[in-house]
Amino acid sequence: MLEAYIRRRLRDKKLLIMTHIVIGYPNFRESWALARAMVEAGVDLMELQIPFSEPMADGPVILDANQKALAAGSNVEKCFEFARELAGQVPIPLLFMSYYNIPFKYGLSRFTSAVKKAGVVGTIVPDLPPEEGAEYQAALQAEGLDPILLLAPNTSDARMQLIAGQASGFLYCVARKGVTGAKTEFSGDLSAYLARARRATSLPLAVGFGIRERADVDFVRGKADIAIVGSESLKVLNRSGLRAAADFIRSLTADTDSPKQDG
């Protein structure tokens, strides 16, 4: 169970790190190498994006990665195969990130059954609002998978409680309105938003959209349980290669394993 795993890890670490890859970018061989390098660098969870032609929540870096992965031949079946092989070799939970068109066209029950067989523990579908997600969530829960739902800074307290009641595993707190990869202000407003989210749920909280450096990770520590790193690792990969991307991730995971202090 994902939530139980997160709570076990938090006994030893102040903050967990979740990374994001686009399956098949720059190609399947390099996707595999990047995923393995991230695990070796000490990440605690990983988000595997099934490429989609119109990833509306993603900024230019991940959009470009989606388009290039599709052009190189990435498809849903190959993504299931990739995840299945990776899940058999790494000790951390894997989640699929996708847009709703993919499970909808694949068939909800067929899709969630394939997710389970791939060894993936849950999914993130940013364009599926909770009011329209009952059928998909039921299909996930029938397979024992976690629906990871999203909060935003403009989500009301009442709606936070509604979303939290339908989620499991953890809640994904989008750090700001807009798409991935843009600059996020790590400030008192973000702290207040995360405090509201903490009051709305007992689930672990993850923060994504805009974590770009160690200072951002340090800001999140103590306010949430998981920091999500997406676009920035791909920027480093594109600019400087695999070793630099692994070193970047290692700079974020370093010292996050210090035991929590009482008080």
Protein backbone atom coordinates (compact mmCIF):
# COMPACT_ATOMS: atom_id res chain seq x y z
CA MET A 1 0.00 0.00 0.00
CA LEU A 2 1.47 3.32 -1.11
CA GLU A 3 0.53 5.38 1.94
CA ALA A 4 2.04 2.76 4.26
CA TYR A 5 5.28 2.80 2.23
CA ILE A 6 5.46 6.59 2.45
CA ARG A 7 4.90 6.57 6.21
CA ARG A 8 7.61 3.93 6.68
CA ARG A 9 10.07 6.01 4.68
CA LEU A 10 9.20 9.12 6.65
CA ARG A 11 10.36 7.42 9.84
CA ASP A 12 13.90 7.77 8.52
CA LYS A 13 13.72 10.77 6.21
CA LYS A 14 12.39 14.28 6.69
CA LEU A 15 11.29 14.54 3.09
CA LEU A 16 10.90 12.06 0.24
CA ILE A 17 11.84 12.81 -3.37
CA MET A 18 9.72 11.75 -6.34
CA THR A 19 11.04 12.18 -9.87
CA HIS A 20 9.34 12.20 -13.26
CA ILE A 21 10.34 10.68 -16.58
CA VAL A 22 8.58 10.60 -19.94
CA ILE A 23 8.69 6.99 -21.11
CA GLY A 24 10.55 6.74 -24.40
CA TYR A 25 12.33 10.10 -24.15
CA PRO A 26 14.89 10.70 -25.56
CA ASN A 27 14.50 7.02 -26.50
CA PHE A 28 13.69 3.86 -24.57
CA ARG A 29 17.32 3.00 -23.86
CA GLU A 30 18.05 6.44 -22.40
CA SER A 31 14.72 6.48 -20.54
CA TRP A 32 15.75 3.25 -18.88
CA ALA A 33 19.21 4.60 -18.03
CA LEU A 34 17.68 7.79 -16.58
CA ALA A 35 15.21 5.87 -14.42
CA ARG A 36 17.92 3.60 -13.06
CA ALA A 37 20.23 6.57 -12.41
CA MET A 38 17.47 8.31 -10.46
CA VAL A 39 16.92 5.24 -8.29
CA GLU A 40 20.65 4.95 -7.67
CA ALA A 41 20.69 8.65 -6.73
CA GLY A 42 18.28 7.90 -3.90
CA VAL A 43 14.78 8.86 -5.04
CA ASP A 44 11.86 7.35 -3.12
CA LEU A 45 9.13 7.22 -5.78
CA MET A 46 8.94 7.74 -9.52
CA GLU A 47 6.29 9.07 -11.85
CA LEU A 48 6.29 7.48 -15.32
CA GLN A 49 4.52 9.60 -17.90
CA ILE A 50 2.74 7.85 -20.75
CA PRO A 51 3.34 10.26 -23.65
CA PHE A 52 0.30 12.13 -24.96
CA SER A 53 -0.05 14.54 -27.87
CA GLU A 54 -1.68 17.33 -25.84
CA PRO A 55 -0.29 17.28 -22.27
CA MET A 56 -2.17 20.37 -21.10
CA ALA A 57 -0.69 20.58 -17.60
CA ASP A 58 2.89 20.40 -18.85
CA GLY A 59 5.19 23.22 -19.85
CA PRO A 60 7.50 23.34 -22.88
CA VAL A 61 10.19 20.97 -21.61
CA ILE A 62 7.86 18.05 -20.86
CA LEU A 63 5.65 18.90 -23.85
CA ASP A 64 8.69 18.58 -26.11
CA ALA A 65 9.65 15.30 -24.43
CA ASN A 66 6.13 13.93 -25.00
CA GLN A 67 6.18 14.86 -28.68
CA LYS A 68 9.63 13.41 -29.27
CA ALA A 69 8.79 10.20 -27.42
CA LEU A 70 5.68 9.74 -29.58
CA ALA A 71 7.66 10.46 -32.73
CA ALA A 72 10.21 7.83 -31.66
CA GLY A 73 7.49 5.19 -31.36
CA SER A 74 6.43 5.28 -27.70
CA ASN A 75 2.91 3.96 -27.20
CA VAL A 76 0.75 2.67 -24.37
CA GLU A 77 1.72 -0.99 -24.79
CA LYS A 78 5.42 -0.17 -24.84
CA CYS A 79 4.93 1.96 -21.72
CA PHE A 80 3.31 -0.96 -19.89
CA GLU A 81 6.22 -3.19 -20.91
CA PHE A 82 8.76 -0.57 -19.79
CA ALA A 83 7.06 -0.18 -16.41
CA ARG A 84 6.77 -3.92 -15.88
CA GLU A 85 10.49 -4.43 -16.49
CA LEU A 86 11.45 -1.45 -14.33
CA ALA A 87 9.15 -2.45 -11.46
CA GLY A 88 10.82 -5.85 -11.40
CA GLN A 89 14.24 -4.30 -10.90
CA VAL A 90 13.85 -1.28 -8.59
CA PRO A 91 12.80 -1.15 -4.91
CA ILE A 92 10.61 1.96 -5.09
CA PRO A 93 6.94 2.47 -6.01
CA LEU A 94 6.16 3.54 -9.57
CA LEU A 95 3.14 5.58 -10.62
CA PHE A 96 1.79 6.27 -14.07
CA MET A 97 1.05 9.86 -15.02
CA SER A 98 -1.31 10.20 -17.96
CA TYR A 99 -4.10 12.28 -19.41
CA TYR A 100 -7.60 10.87 -19.28
CA ASN A 101 -7.92 10.33 -23.02
CA ILE A 102 -5.49 7.42 -22.73
CA PRO A 103 -7.35 5.23 -20.17
CA PHE A 104 -10.69 6.31 -21.64
CA LYS A 105 -9.82 5.14 -25.16
CA TYR A 106 -7.99 2.05 -23.88
CA GLY A 107 -10.98 1.06 -21.75
CA LEU A 108 -10.99 1.85 -18.05
CA SER A 109 -11.08 -1.70 -16.68
CA ARG A 110 -8.63 -2.93 -19.29
CA PHE A 111 -6.30 -0.03 -18.55
CA THR A 112 -6.32 -0.43 -14.77
CA SER A 113 -5.83 -4.19 -15.10
CA ALA A 114 -2.77 -3.54 -17.27
CA VAL A 115 -1.47 -0.96 -14.76
CA LYS A 116 -1.71 -3.57 -12.01
CA LYS A 117 0.02 -6.23 -14.12
CA ALA A 118 2.82 -3.75 -14.85
CA GLY A 119 3.60 -3.51 -11.14
CA VAL A 120 2.58 0.16 -10.93
CA VAL A 121 0.84 1.19 -7.69
CA GLY A 122 -1.32 4.12 -8.78
CA THR A 123 -1.98 6.82 -11.37
CA ILE A 124 -1.99 10.60 -11.67
CA VAL A 125 -4.49 12.00 -14.18
CA PRO A 126 -4.37 15.82 -13.95
CA ASP A 127 -7.21 16.56 -16.37
CA LEU A 128 -9.85 14.39 -14.67
CA PRO A 129 -11.85 16.38 -12.08
CA PRO A 130 -13.19 14.40 -9.11
CA GLU A 131 -16.80 15.12 -10.10
CA GLU A 132 -16.22 13.18 -13.33
CA GLY A 133 -13.83 10.54 -12.06
CA ALA A 134 -16.04 8.09 -10.18
CA GLU A 135 -15.95 5.36 -12.84
CA TYR A 136 -12.19 5.57 -13.28
CA GLN A 137 -11.55 5.64 -9.53
CA ALA A 138 -13.76 2.58 -9.08
CA ALA A 139 -11.75 0.76 -11.76
CA LEU A 140 -8.50 1.68 -9.97
CA GLN A 141 -9.80 0.63 -6.58
CA ALA A 142 -11.02 -2.70 -7.98
CA GLU A 143 -7.36 -3.44 -8.77
CA GLY A 144 -6.08 -2.13 -5.44
CA LEU A 145 -4.47 0.91 -7.09
CA ASP A 146 -4.24 4.41 -5.66
CA PRO A 147 -5.90 7.38 -7.38
CA ILE A 148 -3.56 10.34 -6.80
CA LEU A 149 -5.62 13.53 -6.91
CA LEU A 150 -4.47 17.12 -7.18
CA LEU A 151 -4.95 20.28 -5.15
CA ALA A 152 -4.13 23.82 -6.28
CA PRO A 153 -3.53 27.08 -4.40
CA ASN A 154 -7.01 28.33 -5.32
CA THR A 155 -8.74 25.14 -4.12
CA SER A 156 -11.18 26.05 -1.35
CA ASP A 157 -11.05 24.36 2.05
CA ALA A 158 -14.34 22.57 1.36
CA ARG A 159 -13.14 21.31 -2.01
CA MET A 160 -9.85 20.15 -0.48
CA GLN A 161 -11.85 17.95 1.87
CA LEU A 162 -13.97 16.64 -1.03
CA ILE A 163 -10.86 15.73 -3.06
CA ALA A 164 -9.09 14.23 -0.06
CA GLY A 165 -12.08 11.97 0.53
CA GLN A 166 -11.68 10.45 -2.93
CA ALA A 167 -7.87 10.14 -2.97
CA SER A 168 -5.52 7.56 -1.55
CA GLY A 169 -1.75 7.15 -1.35
CA PHE A 170 -1.00 10.87 -1.15
CA LEU A 171 -2.31 14.21 -2.38
CA TYR A 172 -0.43 16.07 -5.11
CA CYS A 173 -0.27 19.77 -4.21
CA VAL A 174 0.37 21.82 -7.32
CA ALA A 175 2.58 24.66 -6.09
CA ARG A 176 1.04 27.28 -8.36
CA LYS A 177 -1.49 27.77 -11.12
CA GLY A 178 -0.23 27.13 -14.65
CA VAL A 179 1.91 24.43 -16.24
CA THR A 180 5.00 22.54 -15.18
CA GLY A 181 8.47 24.00 -15.52
CA ALA A 182 7.74 27.68 -14.85
CA LYS A 183 9.16 29.58 -11.89
CA THR A 184 7.39 29.08 -8.56
CA GLU A 185 7.60 31.57 -5.70
CA PHE A 186 8.49 29.61 -2.58
CA SER A 187 7.00 32.05 -0.09
CA GLY A 188 4.57 32.53 2.74
CA ASP A 189 1.63 32.09 0.37
CA LEU A 190 2.82 28.59 -0.51
CA SER A 191 3.33 27.81 3.18
CA ALA A 192 -0.21 28.93 3.99
CA TYR A 193 -1.65 26.85 1.14
CA LEU A 194 0.20 23.73 2.31
CA ALA A 195 -0.99 24.36 5.86
CA ARG A 196 -4.58 24.44 4.57
CA ALA A 197 -3.99 21.19 2.72
CA ARG A 198 -2.54 19.62 5.86
CA ARG A 199 -5.65 20.54 7.82
CA ALA A 200 -7.90 19.05 5.13
CA THR A 201 -6.43 15.55 5.10
CA SER A 202 -4.43 12.97 6.97
CA LEU A 203 -2.87 11.75 3.70
CA PRO A 204 0.77 12.55 2.96
CA LEU A 205 1.29 15.71 0.90
CA ALA A 206 3.47 15.98 -2.20
CA VAL A 207 4.50 19.30 -3.77
CA GLY A 208 5.25 19.66 -7.47
CA PHE A 209 5.45 22.26 -10.26
CA GLY A 210 8.55 24.39 -9.99
CA ILE A 211 11.03 22.55 -7.74
CA ARG A 212 14.31 23.41 -9.41
CA GLU A 213 17.06 23.43 -6.79
CA ARG A 214 18.07 22.37 -3.32
CA ALA A 215 16.72 25.57 -1.77
CA ASP A 216 13.22 24.66 -3.01
CA VAL A 217 13.51 21.20 -1.45
CA ASP A 218 14.67 22.76 1.82
CA PHE A 219 11.67 25.12 1.76
CA VAL A 220 9.23 22.24 1.34
CA ARG A 221 10.77 20.14 4.12
CA GLY A 222 8.54 20.25 7.19
CA LYS A 223 5.58 21.59 5.20
CA ALA A 224 4.97 18.50 3.03
CA ASP A 225 6.16 14.91 2.82
CA ILE A 226 7.27 14.56 -0.80
CA ALA A 227 9.00 16.95 -3.21
CA ILE A 228 8.34 16.22 -6.89
CA VAL A 229 11.02 17.06 -9.45
CA GLY A 230 10.04 16.97 -13.11
CA SER A 231 11.03 19.54 -15.72
CA GLU A 232 14.32 20.54 -14.14
CA SER A 233 15.84 17.07 -14.32
CA LEU A 234 14.93 16.91 -18.03
CA LYS A 235 16.49 20.34 -18.57
CA VAL A 236 19.73 19.12 -17.02
CA LEU A 237 19.57 15.93 -19.07
CA ASN A 238 19.06 17.90 -22.28
CA ARG A 239 21.79 20.38 -21.47
CA SER A 240 24.49 18.22 -19.93
CA GLY A 241 23.63 14.51 -20.23
CA LEU A 242 22.79 11.58 -18.00
CA ARG A 243 25.60 11.90 -15.47
CA ALA A 244 24.75 15.54 -14.81
CA ALA A 245 21.05 14.67 -14.41
CA ALA A 246 21.95 11.97 -11.88
CA ASP A 247 24.23 14.39 -10.01
CA PHE A 248 21.40 16.95 -9.95
CA ILE A 249 19.00 14.43 -8.40
CA ARG A 250 21.67 13.36 -5.92
CA SER A 251 22.06 17.00 -4.84
CA LEU A 252 18.36 17.02 -3.91
CA THR A 253 18.29 13.69 -2.11
CA ALA A 254 21.43 14.35 -0.04
CA ASP A 255 20.73 14.82 3.67
CA THR A 256 16.98 14.28 3.29
CA ASP A 257 17.47 11.06 5.24
CA SER A 258 18.21 12.70 8.59
CA PRO A 259 15.81 11.50 11.29
CA LYS A 260 13.05 13.89 12.25
CA GLN A 261 13.60 15.87 15.40
CA ASP A 262 10.95 15.97 18.11
CA GLY A 263 9.27 19.30 18.66
